[in-house]
Amino acid sequence: MAFKVNYNQQRAERNRAKLAKKEAKQREQEEEVLRRKAERDAAPDTQHAVKDDEHGPAQA
């Protein structure tokens, strides 16, 4: 004999899957933001070093 359909269980499974997908997407977006921030923070450091070299040695 087959089991009766448990709609609450099916809904709970769908909600868990939806939440897991949403959290995964959020994590990916946060990682992308951190990666862009790291690139942005690294880029000005190299530009400042080049600017200092262009002006020659520092005067003491």
N, C-alpha and C. Protein backbone atom coordinates (compact mmCIF):
# COMPACT_ATOMS: atom_id res chain seq x y z
N MET A 1 0.84 -1.17 0.00
CA MET A 1 0.00 0.00 0.00
C MET A 1 0.89 1.25 0.00
N ALA A 2 0.58 2.22 -0.82
CA ALA A 2 1.35 3.44 -0.96
C ALA A 2 1.06 4.39 0.20
N PHE A 3 2.02 5.23 0.48
CA PHE A 3 1.83 6.20 1.54
C PHE A 3 0.95 7.34 1.05
N LYS A 4 0.28 7.96 1.99
CA LYS A 4 -0.50 9.14 1.70
C LYS A 4 0.46 10.30 1.42
N VAL A 5 0.09 11.19 0.55
CA VAL A 5 0.94 12.33 0.21
C VAL A 5 1.00 13.27 1.40
N ASN A 6 2.23 13.66 1.77
CA ASN A 6 2.43 14.58 2.89
C ASN A 6 2.84 15.93 2.32
N TYR A 7 1.85 16.78 2.10
CA TYR A 7 2.10 18.07 1.47
C TYR A 7 2.96 18.98 2.33
N ASN A 8 2.81 18.90 3.64
CA ASN A 8 3.65 19.73 4.52
C ASN A 8 5.12 19.35 4.40
N GLN A 9 5.39 18.05 4.31
CA GLN A 9 6.77 17.61 4.16
C GLN A 9 7.33 18.06 2.81
N GLN A 10 6.54 17.96 1.76
CA GLN A 10 7.00 18.40 0.44
C GLN A 10 7.28 19.89 0.44
N ARG A 11 6.39 20.66 1.09
CA ARG A 11 6.59 22.11 1.16
C ARG A 11 7.85 22.43 1.95
N ALA A 12 8.07 21.72 3.05
CA ALA A 12 9.26 21.94 3.86
C ALA A 12 10.53 21.65 3.07
N GLU A 13 10.52 20.57 2.28
CA GLU A 13 11.68 20.23 1.44
C GLU A 13 11.93 21.31 0.40
N ARG A 14 10.86 21.81 -0.21
CA ARG A 14 11.02 22.89 -1.21
C ARG A 14 11.58 24.14 -0.55
N ASN A 15 11.06 24.46 0.65
CA ASN A 15 11.54 25.65 1.35
C ASN A 15 13.00 25.50 1.76
N ARG A 16 13.41 24.31 2.19
CA ARG A 16 14.82 24.08 2.54
C ARG A 16 15.71 24.24 1.31
N ALA A 17 15.27 23.70 0.19
CA ALA A 17 16.06 23.81 -1.04
C ALA A 17 16.16 25.27 -1.48
N LYS A 18 15.06 25.99 -1.37
CA LYS A 18 15.05 27.39 -1.76
C LYS A 18 15.97 28.20 -0.86
N LEU A 19 15.93 27.93 0.44
CA LEU A 19 16.78 28.65 1.39
C LEU A 19 18.25 28.33 1.14
N ALA A 20 18.57 27.07 0.87
CA ALA A 20 19.96 26.69 0.60
C ALA A 20 20.47 27.39 -0.65
N LYS A 21 19.63 27.47 -1.68
CA LYS A 21 20.03 28.15 -2.92
C LYS A 21 20.23 29.64 -2.66
N LYS A 22 19.35 30.22 -1.88
CA LYS A 22 19.45 31.65 -1.57
C LYS A 22 20.73 31.94 -0.78
N GLU A 23 21.05 31.09 0.22
CA GLU A 23 22.26 31.28 1.02
C GLU A 23 23.51 31.09 0.18
N ALA A 24 23.50 30.14 -0.74
CA ALA A 24 24.65 29.92 -1.61
C ALA A 24 24.88 31.14 -2.50
N LYS A 25 23.81 31.68 -3.03
CA LYS A 25 23.92 32.87 -3.88
C LYS A 25 24.45 34.05 -3.06
N GLN A 26 23.97 34.20 -1.83
CA GLN A 26 24.44 35.28 -0.96
C GLN A 26 25.93 35.13 -0.67
N ARG A 27 26.38 33.90 -0.37
CA ARG A 27 27.81 33.66 -0.12
C ARG A 27 28.64 34.02 -1.34
N GLU A 28 28.18 33.63 -2.53
CA GLU A 28 28.92 33.95 -3.76
C GLU A 28 29.01 35.45 -3.95
N GLN A 29 27.92 36.17 -3.68
CA GLN A 29 27.94 37.62 -3.82
C GLN A 29 28.89 38.25 -2.82
N GLU A 30 28.90 37.77 -1.58
CA GLU A 30 29.81 38.31 -0.57
C GLU A 30 31.26 38.04 -0.95
N GLU A 31 31.55 36.84 -1.46
CA GLU A 31 32.91 36.52 -1.90
C GLU A 31 33.33 37.43 -3.05
N GLU A 32 32.40 37.71 -3.96
CA GLU A 32 32.70 38.59 -5.09
C GLU A 32 32.99 40.00 -4.58
N VAL A 33 32.22 40.48 -3.61
CA VAL A 33 32.45 41.80 -3.04
C VAL A 33 33.83 41.86 -2.38
N LEU A 34 34.16 40.83 -1.61
CA LEU A 34 35.46 40.80 -0.94
C LEU A 34 36.60 40.77 -1.96
N ARG A 35 36.41 40.00 -3.05
CA ARG A 35 37.44 39.94 -4.09
C ARG A 35 37.63 41.30 -4.74
N ARG A 36 36.52 41.98 -5.05
CA ARG A 36 36.63 43.30 -5.67
C ARG A 36 37.27 44.31 -4.73
N LYS A 37 36.92 44.24 -3.43
CA LYS A 37 37.52 45.15 -2.45
C LYS A 37 39.01 44.90 -2.34
N ALA A 38 39.42 43.63 -2.35
CA ALA A 38 40.84 43.30 -2.27
C ALA A 38 41.58 43.83 -3.48
N GLU A 39 40.98 43.68 -4.66
CA GLU A 39 41.62 44.20 -5.88
C GLU A 39 41.71 45.71 -5.82
N ARG A 40 40.65 46.35 -5.35
CA ARG A 40 40.64 47.81 -5.27
C ARG A 40 41.67 48.30 -4.26
N ASP A 41 41.78 47.62 -3.13
CA ASP A 41 42.74 48.03 -2.11
C ASP A 41 44.18 47.78 -2.57
N ALA A 42 44.40 46.74 -3.34
CA ALA A 42 45.74 46.41 -3.81
C ALA A 42 46.17 47.37 -4.92
N ALA A 43 45.26 47.80 -5.74
CA ALA A 43 45.60 48.65 -6.88
C ALA A 43 46.16 50.01 -6.44
N PRO A 44 45.58 50.74 -5.51
CA PRO A 44 46.15 52.03 -5.12
C PRO A 44 47.53 51.90 -4.48
N ASP A 45 47.82 50.82 -3.79
CA ASP A 45 49.13 50.65 -3.18
C ASP A 45 50.21 50.63 -4.24
N THR A 46 49.97 49.96 -5.35
CA THR A 46 50.97 49.91 -6.40
C THR A 46 51.07 51.26 -7.09
N GLN A 47 49.98 51.98 -7.20
CA GLN A 47 50.02 53.30 -7.83
C GLN A 47 50.82 54.28 -6.98
N HIS A 48 50.65 54.21 -5.66
CA HIS A 48 51.40 55.11 -4.78
C HIS A 48 52.89 54.82 -4.87
N ALA A 49 53.26 53.56 -4.97
CA ALA A 49 54.67 53.21 -5.07
C ALA A 49 55.27 53.77 -6.36
N VAL A 50 54.51 53.70 -7.43
CA VAL A 50 54.99 54.23 -8.71
C VAL A 50 55.12 55.75 -8.62
N LYS A 51 54.17 56.42 -8.02
CA LYS A 51 54.23 57.86 -7.89
C LYS A 51 55.43 58.30 -7.08
N ASP A 52 55.73 57.57 -6.00
CA ASP A 52 56.89 57.92 -5.18
C ASP A 52 58.18 57.76 -5.99
N ASP A 53 58.26 56.72 -6.81
CA ASP A 53 59.45 56.49 -7.61
C ASP A 53 59.60 57.55 -8.71
N GLU A 54 58.50 58.06 -9.22
CA GLU A 54 58.57 59.05 -10.27
C GLU A 54 59.17 60.36 -9.79
N HIS A 55 58.98 60.68 -8.49
CA HIS A 55 59.47 61.93 -7.96
C HIS A 55 60.92 61.86 -7.52
N GLY A 56 61.53 60.72 -7.65
CA GLY A 56 62.92 60.56 -7.30
C GLY A 56 63.08 60.25 -5.83
N PRO A 57 64.31 60.20 -5.34
CA PRO A 57 64.55 59.87 -3.93
C PRO A 57 64.01 60.96 -3.00
N ALA A 58 63.61 60.55 -1.85
CA ALA A 58 63.06 61.50 -0.88
C ALA A 58 64.19 62.36 -0.31
N GLN A 59 63.87 63.61 -0.10
CA GLN A 59 64.84 64.55 0.45
C GLN A 59 64.82 64.44 1.97
N ALA A 60 66.00 64.34 2.58
CA ALA A 60 66.06 64.21 4.04
C ALA A 60 66.30 65.54 4.70
